[in-house]
All heavy atoms as atom14 arrays in JSON, in Angstrom:
{
  "sequence": "YVLEFLLGQYCSSDDPELIEKGVESVKHILADNFVRPDEAQKILSQLR",
  "atom14_mask": [
    [1, 1, 1, 1, 1, 1, 1, 1, 1, 1, 1, 1, 0, 0],
    [1, 1, 1, 1, 1, 1, 1, 0, 0, 0, 0, 0, 0, 0],
    [1, 1, 1, 1, 1, 1, 1, 1, 0, 0, 0, 0, 0, 0],
    [1, 1, 1, 1, 1, 1, 1, 1, 1, 0, 0, 0, 0, 0],
    [1, 1, 1, 1, 1, 1, 1, 1, 1, 1, 1, 0, 0, 0],
    [1, 1, 1, 1, 1, 1, 1, 1, 0, 0, 0, 0, 0, 0],
    [1, 1, 1, 1, 1, 1, 1, 1, 0, 0, 0, 0, 0, 0],
    [1, 1, 1, 1, 0, 0, 0, 0, 0, 0, 0, 0, 0, 0],
    [1, 1, 1, 1, 1, 1, 1, 1, 1, 0, 0, 0, 0, 0],
    [1, 1, 1, 1, 1, 1, 1, 1, 1, 1, 1, 1, 0, 0],
    [1, 1, 1, 1, 1, 1, 0, 0, 0, 0, 0, 0, 0, 0],
    [1, 1, 1, 1, 1, 1, 0, 0, 0, 0, 0, 0, 0, 0],
    [1, 1, 1, 1, 1, 1, 0, 0, 0, 0, 0, 0, 0, 0],
    [1, 1, 1, 1, 1, 1, 1, 1, 0, 0, 0, 0, 0, 0],
    [1, 1, 1, 1, 1, 1, 1, 1, 0, 0, 0, 0, 0, 0],
    [1, 1, 1, 1, 1, 1, 1, 0, 0, 0, 0, 0, 0, 0],
    [1, 1, 1, 1, 1, 1, 1, 1, 1, 0, 0, 0, 0, 0],
    [1, 1, 1, 1, 1, 1, 1, 1, 0, 0, 0, 0, 0, 0],
    [1, 1, 1, 1, 1, 1, 1, 1, 0, 0, 0, 0, 0, 0],
    [1, 1, 1, 1, 1, 1, 1, 1, 1, 0, 0, 0, 0, 0],
    [1, 1, 1, 1, 1, 1, 1, 1, 1, 0, 0, 0, 0, 0],
    [1, 1, 1, 1, 0, 0, 0, 0, 0, 0, 0, 0, 0, 0],
    [1, 1, 1, 1, 1, 1, 1, 0, 0, 0, 0, 0, 0, 0],
    [1, 1, 1, 1, 1, 1, 1, 1, 1, 0, 0, 0, 0, 0],
    [1, 1, 1, 1, 1, 1, 0, 0, 0, 0, 0, 0, 0, 0],
    [1, 1, 1, 1, 1, 1, 1, 0, 0, 0, 0, 0, 0, 0],
    [1, 1, 1, 1, 1, 1, 1, 1, 1, 0, 0, 0, 0, 0],
    [1, 1, 1, 1, 1, 1, 1, 1, 1, 1, 0, 0, 0, 0],
    [1, 1, 1, 1, 1, 1, 1, 1, 0, 0, 0, 0, 0, 0],
    [1, 1, 1, 1, 1, 1, 1, 1, 0, 0, 0, 0, 0, 0],
    [1, 1, 1, 1, 1, 0, 0, 0, 0, 0, 0, 0, 0, 0],
    [1, 1, 1, 1, 1, 1, 1, 1, 0, 0, 0, 0, 0, 0],
    [1, 1, 1, 1, 1, 1, 1, 1, 0, 0, 0, 0, 0, 0],
    [1, 1, 1, 1, 1, 1, 1, 1, 1, 1, 1, 0, 0, 0],
    [1, 1, 1, 1, 1, 1, 1, 0, 0, 0, 0, 0, 0, 0],
    [1, 1, 1, 1, 1, 1, 1, 1, 1, 1, 1, 0, 0, 0],
    [1, 1, 1, 1, 1, 1, 1, 0, 0, 0, 0, 0, 0, 0],
    [1, 1, 1, 1, 1, 1, 1, 1, 0, 0, 0, 0, 0, 0],
    [1, 1, 1, 1, 1, 1, 1, 1, 1, 0, 0, 0, 0, 0],
    [1, 1, 1, 1, 1, 0, 0, 0, 0, 0, 0, 0, 0, 0],
    [1, 1, 1, 1, 1, 1, 1, 1, 1, 0, 0, 0, 0, 0],
    [1, 1, 1, 1, 1, 1, 1, 1, 1, 0, 0, 0, 0, 0],
    [1, 1, 1, 1, 1, 1, 1, 1, 0, 0, 0, 0, 0, 0],
    [1, 1, 1, 1, 1, 1, 1, 1, 0, 0, 0, 0, 0, 0],
    [1, 1, 1, 1, 1, 1, 0, 0, 0, 0, 0, 0, 0, 0],
    [1, 1, 1, 1, 1, 1, 1, 1, 1, 0, 0, 0, 0, 0],
    [1, 1, 1, 1, 1, 1, 1, 1, 0, 0, 0, 0, 0, 0],
    [1, 1, 1, 1, 1, 1, 1, 1, 1, 1, 1, 0, 0, 0]
  ],
  "atom14_positions": [
    [[0.82, -1.22, 0.0], [0.0, 0.0, 0.0], [0.85, 1.27, 0.0], [0.45, 2.28, -0.55], [-1.0, 0.01, 1.16], [-0.52, -0.56, 2.46], [-0.04, 0.26, 3.45], [-0.54, -1.93, 2.68], [0.41, -0.25, 4.65], [-0.09, -2.45, 3.88], [0.38, -1.6, 4.87], [0.81, -2.12, 6.06], [0.0, 0.0, 0.0], [0.0, 0.0, 0.0]],
    [[2.07, 1.2, 0.57], [2.97, 2.36, 0.51], [3.43, 2.58, -0.94], [3.39, 3.68, -1.48], [4.21, 2.14, 1.41], [5.23, 3.23, 1.2], [3.79, 2.09, 2.87], [0.0, 0.0, 0.0], [0.0, 0.0, 0.0], [0.0, 0.0, 0.0], [0.0, 0.0, 0.0], [0.0, 0.0, 0.0], [0.0, 0.0, 0.0], [0.0, 0.0, 0.0]],
    [[3.82, 1.46, -1.55], [4.3, 1.5, -2.93], [3.23, 2.07, -3.86], [3.5, 2.94, -4.7], [4.57, 0.05, -3.34], [5.88, -0.24, -4.05], [5.99, -1.71, -4.28], [5.97, 0.52, -5.33], [0.0, 0.0, 0.0], [0.0, 0.0, 0.0], [0.0, 0.0, 0.0], [0.0, 0.0, 0.0], [0.0, 0.0, 0.0], [0.0, 0.0, 0.0]],
    [[2.01, 1.55, -3.73], [0.96, 1.95, -4.68], [0.54, 3.39, -4.47], [0.13, 4.06, -5.41], [-0.24, 1.01, -4.56], [0.12, -0.38, -5.02], [-1.09, -1.21, -5.38], [-2.21, -0.84, -5.0], [-0.9, -2.24, -6.04], [0.0, 0.0, 0.0], [0.0, 0.0, 0.0], [0.0, 0.0, 0.0], [0.0, 0.0, 0.0], [0.0, 0.0, 0.0]],
    [[0.64, 3.87, -3.24], [0.3, 5.27, -3.02], [1.26, 6.15, -3.82], [0.86, 7.08, -4.52], [0.38, 5.62, -1.53], [0.0, 7.04, -1.24], [-1.31, 7.38, -0.98], [0.95, 8.05, -1.26], [-1.67, 8.68, -0.74], [0.6, 9.37, -1.01], [-0.72, 9.68, -0.74], [0.0, 0.0, 0.0], [0.0, 0.0, 0.0], [0.0, 0.0, 0.0]],
    [[2.56, 5.82, -3.74], [3.56, 6.59, -4.48], [3.33, 6.48, -5.99], [3.41, 7.46, -6.72], [4.97, 6.12, -4.12], [5.4, 6.4, -2.67], [6.71, 5.69, -2.36], [5.57, 7.89, -2.44], [0.0, 0.0, 0.0], [0.0, 0.0, 0.0], [0.0, 0.0, 0.0], [0.0, 0.0, 0.0], [0.0, 0.0, 0.0], [0.0, 0.0, 0.0]],
    [[3.02, 5.25, -6.45], [2.78, 5.06, -7.89], [1.54, 5.84, -8.32], [1.51, 6.42, -9.42], [2.59, 3.57, -8.2], [3.86, 2.73, -8.14], [3.53, 1.25, -8.23], [4.81, 3.11, -9.26], [0.0, 0.0, 0.0], [0.0, 0.0, 0.0], [0.0, 0.0, 0.0], [0.0, 0.0, 0.0], [0.0, 0.0, 0.0], [0.0, 0.0, 0.0]],
    [[0.51, 5.87, -7.47], [-0.7, 6.62, -7.8], [-0.39, 8.1, -7.98], [-1.02, 8.8, -8.76], [0.0, 0.0, 0.0], [0.0, 0.0, 0.0], [0.0, 0.0, 0.0], [0.0, 0.0, 0.0], [0.0, 0.0, 0.0], [0.0, 0.0, 0.0], [0.0, 0.0, 0.0], [0.0, 0.0, 0.0], [0.0, 0.0, 0.0], [0.0, 0.0, 0.0]],
    [[0.6, 8.58, -7.2], [0.98, 9.99, -7.29], [1.8, 10.29, -8.53], [1.62, 11.31, -9.18], [1.82, 10.38, -6.06], [1.14, 10.17, -4.73], [0.01, 11.16, -4.51], [0.16, 12.35, -4.8], [-1.11, 10.68, -4.03], [0.0, 0.0, 0.0], [0.0, 0.0, 0.0], [0.0, 0.0, 0.0], [0.0, 0.0, 0.0], [0.0, 0.0, 0.0]],
    [[2.75, 9.38, -8.87], [3.75, 9.7, -9.89], [3.47, 9.09, -11.26], [4.03, 9.49, -12.26], [5.15, 9.26, -9.44], [5.71, 10.1, -8.33], [5.53, 9.73, -7.01], [6.41, 11.27, -8.59], [6.04, 10.5, -5.98], [6.92, 12.05, -7.57], [6.74, 11.66, -6.26], [7.22, 12.42, -5.24], [0.0, 0.0, 0.0], [0.0, 0.0, 0.0]],
    [[2.66, 8.02, -11.31], [2.5, 7.3, -12.58], [1.06, 7.2, -13.03], [0.61, 6.14, -13.44], [3.03, 5.87, -12.44], [4.68, 5.78, -11.83], [0.0, 0.0, 0.0], [0.0, 0.0, 0.0], [0.0, 0.0, 0.0], [0.0, 0.0, 0.0], [0.0, 0.0, 0.0], [0.0, 0.0, 0.0], [0.0, 0.0, 0.0], [0.0, 0.0, 0.0]],
    [[0.3, 8.29, -12.92], [-1.12, 8.12, -13.25], [-1.42, 8.51, -14.69], [-2.54, 8.79, -15.03], [-1.96, 8.94, -12.29], [-1.59, 10.29, -12.37], [0.0, 0.0, 0.0], [0.0, 0.0, 0.0], [0.0, 0.0, 0.0], [0.0, 0.0, 0.0], [0.0, 0.0, 0.0], [0.0, 0.0, 0.0], [0.0, 0.0, 0.0], [0.0, 0.0, 0.0]],
    [[-0.4, 8.56, -15.56], [-0.69, 8.92, -16.95], [-0.59, 7.68, -17.84], [-0.26, 6.6, -17.38], [0.3, 9.96, -17.44], [1.49, 9.31, -17.83], [0.0, 0.0, 0.0], [0.0, 0.0, 0.0], [0.0, 0.0, 0.0], [0.0, 0.0, 0.0], [0.0, 0.0, 0.0], [0.0, 0.0, 0.0], [0.0, 0.0, 0.0], [0.0, 0.0, 0.0]],
    [[-0.85, 7.85, -19.15], [-0.77, 6.73, -20.08], [0.49, 6.79, -20.91], [0.81, 5.87, -21.65], [-1.97, 6.76, -21.03], [-3.07, 5.87, -20.51], [-2.77, 5.03, -19.64], [-4.22, 6.0, -20.96], [0.0, 0.0, 0.0], [0.0, 0.0, 0.0], [0.0, 0.0, 0.0], [0.0, 0.0, 0.0], [0.0, 0.0, 0.0], [0.0, 0.0, 0.0]],
    [[1.19, 7.92, -20.82], [2.36, 8.14, -21.66], [3.54, 7.3, -21.14], [3.97, 7.48, -20.01], [2.69, 9.65, -21.61], [3.93, 9.97, -22.42], [4.49, 9.03, -23.03], [4.33, 11.15, -22.45], [0.0, 0.0, 0.0], [0.0, 0.0, 0.0], [0.0, 0.0, 0.0], [0.0, 0.0, 0.0], [0.0, 0.0, 0.0], [0.0, 0.0, 0.0]],
    [[4.06, 6.36, -21.98], [5.13, 5.47, -21.52], [6.32, 6.22, -20.92], [6.9, 5.79, -19.93], [5.55, 4.71, -22.77], [4.42, 4.86, -23.72], [3.67, 6.09, -23.36], [0.0, 0.0, 0.0], [0.0, 0.0, 0.0], [0.0, 0.0, 0.0], [0.0, 0.0, 0.0], [0.0, 0.0, 0.0], [0.0, 0.0, 0.0], [0.0, 0.0, 0.0]],
    [[6.69, 7.38, -21.52], [7.85, 8.11, -21.02], [7.62, 8.64, -19.62], [8.46, 8.53, -18.73], [8.19, 9.29, -21.95], [9.03, 8.88, -23.15], [9.43, 10.08, -23.99], [9.43, 11.22, -23.45], [9.73, 9.9, -25.19], [0.0, 0.0, 0.0], [0.0, 0.0, 0.0], [0.0, 0.0, 0.0], [0.0, 0.0, 0.0], [0.0, 0.0, 0.0]],
    [[6.41, 9.21, -19.43], [6.08, 9.76, -18.1], [6.04, 8.65, -17.06], [6.47, 8.82, -15.93], [4.74, 10.49, -18.15], [4.76, 11.85, -18.86], [3.37, 12.44, -18.96], [5.67, 12.83, -18.12], [0.0, 0.0, 0.0], [0.0, 0.0, 0.0], [0.0, 0.0, 0.0], [0.0, 0.0, 0.0], [0.0, 0.0, 0.0], [0.0, 0.0, 0.0]],
    [[5.48, 7.49, -17.47], [5.42, 6.36, -16.53], [6.83, 5.92, -16.15], [7.14, 5.7, -14.98], [4.63, 5.18, -17.15], [3.14, 5.53, -17.17], [4.87, 3.89, -16.39], [2.23, 4.43, -17.61], [0.0, 0.0, 0.0], [0.0, 0.0, 0.0], [0.0, 0.0, 0.0], [0.0, 0.0, 0.0], [0.0, 0.0, 0.0], [0.0, 0.0, 0.0]],
    [[7.7, 5.84, -17.16], [9.1, 5.45, -16.92], [9.75, 6.4, -15.91], [10.38, 5.97, -14.94], [9.86, 5.51, -18.27], [11.19, 4.79, -18.28], [11.1, 3.31, -17.9], [10.13, 2.65, -18.33], [11.98, 2.86, -17.15], [0.0, 0.0, 0.0], [0.0, 0.0, 0.0], [0.0, 0.0, 0.0], [0.0, 0.0, 0.0], [0.0, 0.0, 0.0]],
    [[9.53, 7.72, -16.13], [10.09, 8.72, -15.22], [9.5, 8.54, -13.82], [10.22, 8.61, -12.81], [9.75, 10.14, -15.71], [10.78, 10.69, -16.67], [10.47, 12.17, -16.95], [11.33, 12.68, -18.11], [10.69, 13.78, -18.81], [0.0, 0.0, 0.0], [0.0, 0.0, 0.0], [0.0, 0.0, 0.0], [0.0, 0.0, 0.0], [0.0, 0.0, 0.0]],
    [[8.18, 8.33, -13.79], [7.5, 8.18, -12.5], [8.06, 7.01, -11.71], [8.33, 7.11, -10.51], [0.0, 0.0, 0.0], [0.0, 0.0, 0.0], [0.0, 0.0, 0.0], [0.0, 0.0, 0.0], [0.0, 0.0, 0.0], [0.0, 0.0, 0.0], [0.0, 0.0, 0.0], [0.0, 0.0, 0.0], [0.0, 0.0, 0.0], [0.0, 0.0, 0.0]],
    [[8.26, 5.87, -12.41], [8.77, 4.68, -11.75], [10.17, 4.96, -11.19], [10.49, 4.58, -10.07], [8.8, 3.48, -12.73], [9.56, 2.32, -12.13], [7.38, 3.05, -13.06], [0.0, 0.0, 0.0], [0.0, 0.0, 0.0], [0.0, 0.0, 0.0], [0.0, 0.0, 0.0], [0.0, 0.0, 0.0], [0.0, 0.0, 0.0], [0.0, 0.0, 0.0]],
    [[10.99, 5.67, -11.97], [12.33, 6.03, -11.49], [12.24, 6.87, -10.23], [12.96, 6.65, -9.25], [13.11, 6.8, -12.58], [13.65, 5.91, -13.69], [14.43, 4.7, -13.18], [15.34, 4.89, -12.35], [14.11, 3.56, -13.58], [0.0, 0.0, 0.0], [0.0, 0.0, 0.0], [0.0, 0.0, 0.0], [0.0, 0.0, 0.0], [0.0, 0.0, 0.0]],
    [[11.33, 7.88, -10.25], [11.16, 8.75, -9.07], [10.81, 7.92, -7.85], [11.37, 8.09, -6.76], [10.05, 9.78, -9.28], [10.21, 10.43, -10.49], [0.0, 0.0, 0.0], [0.0, 0.0, 0.0], [0.0, 0.0, 0.0], [0.0, 0.0, 0.0], [0.0, 0.0, 0.0], [0.0, 0.0, 0.0], [0.0, 0.0, 0.0], [0.0, 0.0, 0.0]],
    [[9.84, 6.99, -8.03], [9.39, 6.17, -6.89], [10.56, 5.36, -6.36], [10.78, 5.26, -5.15], [8.22, 5.26, -7.31], [7.88, 4.29, -6.2], [6.99, 6.1, -7.66], [0.0, 0.0, 0.0], [0.0, 0.0, 0.0], [0.0, 0.0, 0.0], [0.0, 0.0, 0.0], [0.0, 0.0, 0.0], [0.0, 0.0, 0.0], [0.0, 0.0, 0.0]],
    [[11.38, 4.79, -7.29], [12.52, 3.98, -6.85], [13.5, 4.83, -6.04], [14.03, 4.39, -5.03], [13.23, 3.37, -8.06], [12.5, 2.16, -8.63], [13.31, 1.57, -9.78], [12.64, 0.34, -10.34], [13.22, -0.07, -11.62], [0.0, 0.0, 0.0], [0.0, 0.0, 0.0], [0.0, 0.0, 0.0], [0.0, 0.0, 0.0], [0.0, 0.0, 0.0]],
    [[13.74, 6.08, -6.54], [14.66, 6.97, -5.82], [14.14, 7.3, -4.43], [14.88, 7.25, -3.45], [14.88, 8.27, -6.61], [15.91, 8.13, -7.68], [17.2, 7.69, -7.41], [15.86, 8.33, -9.03], [17.89, 7.62, -8.55], [17.09, 8.01, -9.55], [0.0, 0.0, 0.0], [0.0, 0.0, 0.0], [0.0, 0.0, 0.0], [0.0, 0.0, 0.0]],
    [[12.85, 7.65, -4.38], [12.26, 8.02, -3.09], [12.43, 6.85, -2.1], [12.82, 7.04, -0.95], [10.77, 8.35, -3.26], [10.63, 9.67, -4.04], [10.07, 8.48, -1.91], [9.22, 10.03, -4.41], [0.0, 0.0, 0.0], [0.0, 0.0, 0.0], [0.0, 0.0, 0.0], [0.0, 0.0, 0.0], [0.0, 0.0, 0.0], [0.0, 0.0, 0.0]],
    [[12.16, 5.63, -2.59], [12.25, 4.48, -1.69], [13.7, 4.24, -1.26], [13.98, 3.97, -0.1], [11.69, 3.22, -2.38], [10.17, 3.22, -2.54], [9.74, 2.0, -3.33], [9.47, 3.23, -1.2], [0.0, 0.0, 0.0], [0.0, 0.0, 0.0], [0.0, 0.0, 0.0], [0.0, 0.0, 0.0], [0.0, 0.0, 0.0], [0.0, 0.0, 0.0]],
    [[14.63, 4.38, -2.24], [16.03, 4.11, -1.92], [16.58, 5.13, -0.91], [17.3, 4.77, 0.02], [16.86, 4.14, -3.2], [0.0, 0.0, 0.0], [0.0, 0.0, 0.0], [0.0, 0.0, 0.0], [0.0, 0.0, 0.0], [0.0, 0.0, 0.0], [0.0, 0.0, 0.0], [0.0, 0.0, 0.0], [0.0, 0.0, 0.0], [0.0, 0.0, 0.0]],
    [[16.2, 6.41, -1.09], [16.79, 7.45, -0.23], [16.09, 7.6, 1.1], [16.72, 7.92, 2.11], [16.74, 8.81, -0.95], [17.58, 8.79, -2.22], [18.4, 7.86, -2.34], [17.41, 9.68, -3.08], [0.0, 0.0, 0.0], [0.0, 0.0, 0.0], [0.0, 0.0, 0.0], [0.0, 0.0, 0.0], [0.0, 0.0, 0.0], [0.0, 0.0, 0.0]],
    [[14.76, 7.41, 1.12], [14.01, 7.82, 2.31], [13.38, 6.7, 3.11], [12.99, 6.9, 4.25], [12.91, 8.82, 1.92], [13.43, 9.95, 1.08], [13.09, 10.07, -0.09], [14.28, 10.77, 1.65], [0.0, 0.0, 0.0], [0.0, 0.0, 0.0], [0.0, 0.0, 0.0], [0.0, 0.0, 0.0], [0.0, 0.0, 0.0], [0.0, 0.0, 0.0]],
    [[13.24, 5.52, 2.51], [12.59, 4.44, 3.26], [13.55, 3.93, 4.34], [14.69, 3.6, 4.05], [12.19, 3.3, 2.32], [11.47, 2.18, 3.03], [10.17, 2.36, 3.45], [12.11, 0.98, 3.3], [9.49, 1.34, 4.12], [11.44, -0.03, 3.97], [10.14, 0.15, 4.37], [0.0, 0.0, 0.0], [0.0, 0.0, 0.0], [0.0, 0.0, 0.0]],
    [[13.08, 3.88, 5.58], [13.97, 3.5, 6.7], [13.92, 2.0, 6.91], [12.86, 1.44, 7.17], [13.5, 4.17, 8.0], [14.43, 3.79, 9.14], [13.45, 5.67, 7.85], [0.0, 0.0, 0.0], [0.0, 0.0, 0.0], [0.0, 0.0, 0.0], [0.0, 0.0, 0.0], [0.0, 0.0, 0.0], [0.0, 0.0, 0.0], [0.0, 0.0, 0.0]],
    [[15.08, 1.34, 6.77], [15.14, -0.07, 7.19], [15.58, -0.11, 8.64], [16.48, 0.64, 9.02], [16.13, -0.83, 6.31], [15.58, -1.01, 4.91], [16.47, -1.83, 4.02], [17.38, -2.72, 4.71], [18.49, -3.18, 4.17], [18.83, -2.81, 2.95], [19.27, -4.02, 4.82], [0.0, 0.0, 0.0], [0.0, 0.0, 0.0], [0.0, 0.0, 0.0]],
    [[14.94, -0.98, 9.45], [15.25, -0.95, 10.89], [16.74, -1.09, 11.19], [17.26, -0.47, 12.13], [14.48, -2.15, 11.43], [13.38, -2.39, 10.45], [13.88, -1.93, 9.13], [0.0, 0.0, 0.0], [0.0, 0.0, 0.0], [0.0, 0.0, 0.0], [0.0, 0.0, 0.0], [0.0, 0.0, 0.0], [0.0, 0.0, 0.0], [0.0, 0.0, 0.0]],
    [[17.47, -1.86, 10.35], [18.91, -2.04, 10.67], [19.74, -0.82, 10.3], [20.92, -0.74, 10.67], [19.44, -3.31, 9.96], [19.2, -3.26, 8.47], [18.33, -2.46, 8.06], [19.83, -4.01, 7.71], [0.0, 0.0, 0.0], [0.0, 0.0, 0.0], [0.0, 0.0, 0.0], [0.0, 0.0, 0.0], [0.0, 0.0, 0.0], [0.0, 0.0, 0.0]],
    [[19.16, 0.13, 9.55], [19.94, 1.32, 9.18], [19.52, 2.55, 9.99], [19.9, 3.67, 9.66], [19.74, 1.63, 7.69], [20.36, 0.56, 6.79], [20.18, 0.9, 5.31], [19.37, 1.79, 4.99], [20.86, 0.27, 4.49], [0.0, 0.0, 0.0], [0.0, 0.0, 0.0], [0.0, 0.0, 0.0], [0.0, 0.0, 0.0], [0.0, 0.0, 0.0]],
    [[18.71, 2.33, 11.02], [18.17, 3.46, 11.76], [19.28, 4.37, 12.32], [19.21, 5.59, 12.19], [17.28, 2.96, 12.89], [0.0, 0.0, 0.0], [0.0, 0.0, 0.0], [0.0, 0.0, 0.0], [0.0, 0.0, 0.0], [0.0, 0.0, 0.0], [0.0, 0.0, 0.0], [0.0, 0.0, 0.0], [0.0, 0.0, 0.0], [0.0, 0.0, 0.0]],
    [[20.32, 3.74, 12.89], [21.37, 4.56, 13.52], [22.11, 5.39, 12.48], [22.48, 6.54, 12.73], [22.36, 3.66, 14.28], [21.79, 3.08, 15.56], [21.21, 4.15, 16.48], [21.83, 5.18, 16.71], [20.02, 3.91, 17.0], [0.0, 0.0, 0.0], [0.0, 0.0, 0.0], [0.0, 0.0, 0.0], [0.0, 0.0, 0.0], [0.0, 0.0, 0.0]],
    [[22.32, 4.79, 11.3], [23.03, 5.51, 10.22], [22.23, 6.77, 9.84], [22.79, 7.86, 9.66], [23.18, 4.57, 9.01], [23.97, 5.18, 7.86], [24.16, 4.2, 6.73], [23.23, 4.5, 5.59], [23.35, 3.6, 4.46], [0.0, 0.0, 0.0], [0.0, 0.0, 0.0], [0.0, 0.0, 0.0], [0.0, 0.0, 0.0], [0.0, 0.0, 0.0]],
    [[20.93, 6.6, 9.72], [20.09, 7.74, 9.31], [20.07, 8.82, 10.39], [20.14, 10.02, 10.1], [18.68, 7.25, 8.97], [18.73, 6.54, 7.61], [17.67, 8.39, 8.92], [17.48, 5.91, 7.15], [0.0, 0.0, 0.0], [0.0, 0.0, 0.0], [0.0, 0.0, 0.0], [0.0, 0.0, 0.0], [0.0, 0.0, 0.0], [0.0, 0.0, 0.0]],
    [[20.02, 8.39, 11.66], [20.03, 9.38, 12.75], [21.33, 10.17, 12.74], [21.34, 11.38, 12.97], [19.84, 8.68, 14.1], [18.43, 8.14, 14.35], [18.36, 7.36, 15.65], [17.42, 9.28, 14.38], [0.0, 0.0, 0.0], [0.0, 0.0, 0.0], [0.0, 0.0, 0.0], [0.0, 0.0, 0.0], [0.0, 0.0, 0.0], [0.0, 0.0, 0.0]],
    [[22.41, 9.47, 12.43], [23.71, 10.16, 12.42], [23.76, 11.15, 11.25], [24.26, 12.28, 11.37], [24.83, 9.12, 12.35], [25.77, 9.45, 11.38], [0.0, 0.0, 0.0], [0.0, 0.0, 0.0], [0.0, 0.0, 0.0], [0.0, 0.0, 0.0], [0.0, 0.0, 0.0], [0.0, 0.0, 0.0], [0.0, 0.0, 0.0], [0.0, 0.0, 0.0]],
    [[23.19, 10.75, 10.09], [23.14, 11.69, 8.95], [22.26, 12.89, 9.28], [22.54, 14.02, 8.89], [22.6, 10.98, 7.71], [23.64, 10.05, 7.1], [23.14, 9.36, 5.84], [21.94, 9.33, 5.58], [24.03, 8.79, 5.07], [0.0, 0.0, 0.0], [0.0, 0.0, 0.0], [0.0, 0.0, 0.0], [0.0, 0.0, 0.0], [0.0, 0.0, 0.0]],
    [[21.16, 12.62, 9.99], [20.26, 13.72, 10.39], [21.03, 14.71, 11.28], [20.91, 15.92, 11.13], [19.06, 13.13, 11.13], [18.16, 14.09, 11.9], [17.47, 15.06, 10.94], [17.1, 13.34, 12.69], [0.0, 0.0, 0.0], [0.0, 0.0, 0.0], [0.0, 0.0, 0.0], [0.0, 0.0, 0.0], [0.0, 0.0, 0.0], [0.0, 0.0, 0.0]],
    [[21.87, 14.18, 12.17], [22.6, 15.05, 13.08], [23.64, 15.9, 12.31], [23.8, 17.08, 12.56], [23.31, 14.19, 14.14], [24.14, 14.98, 15.12], [24.66, 14.11, 16.23], [25.69, 14.82, 16.98], [26.98, 14.73, 16.72], [27.42, 13.97, 15.73], [27.86, 15.42, 17.44], [0.0, 0.0, 0.0], [0.0, 0.0, 0.0], [0.0, 0.0, 0.0]]
  ]
}
């Protein structure tokens, strides 16, 4: 449901190029911002 919410925001068009871009954006957002429990300390240190 987290994934589809992001896809609903970024990939709601029919144009293949826009969809491609949207999918890339979603992947970036997940890679940069999604917190994995084992990386929590790393993120807190970056926040500091």
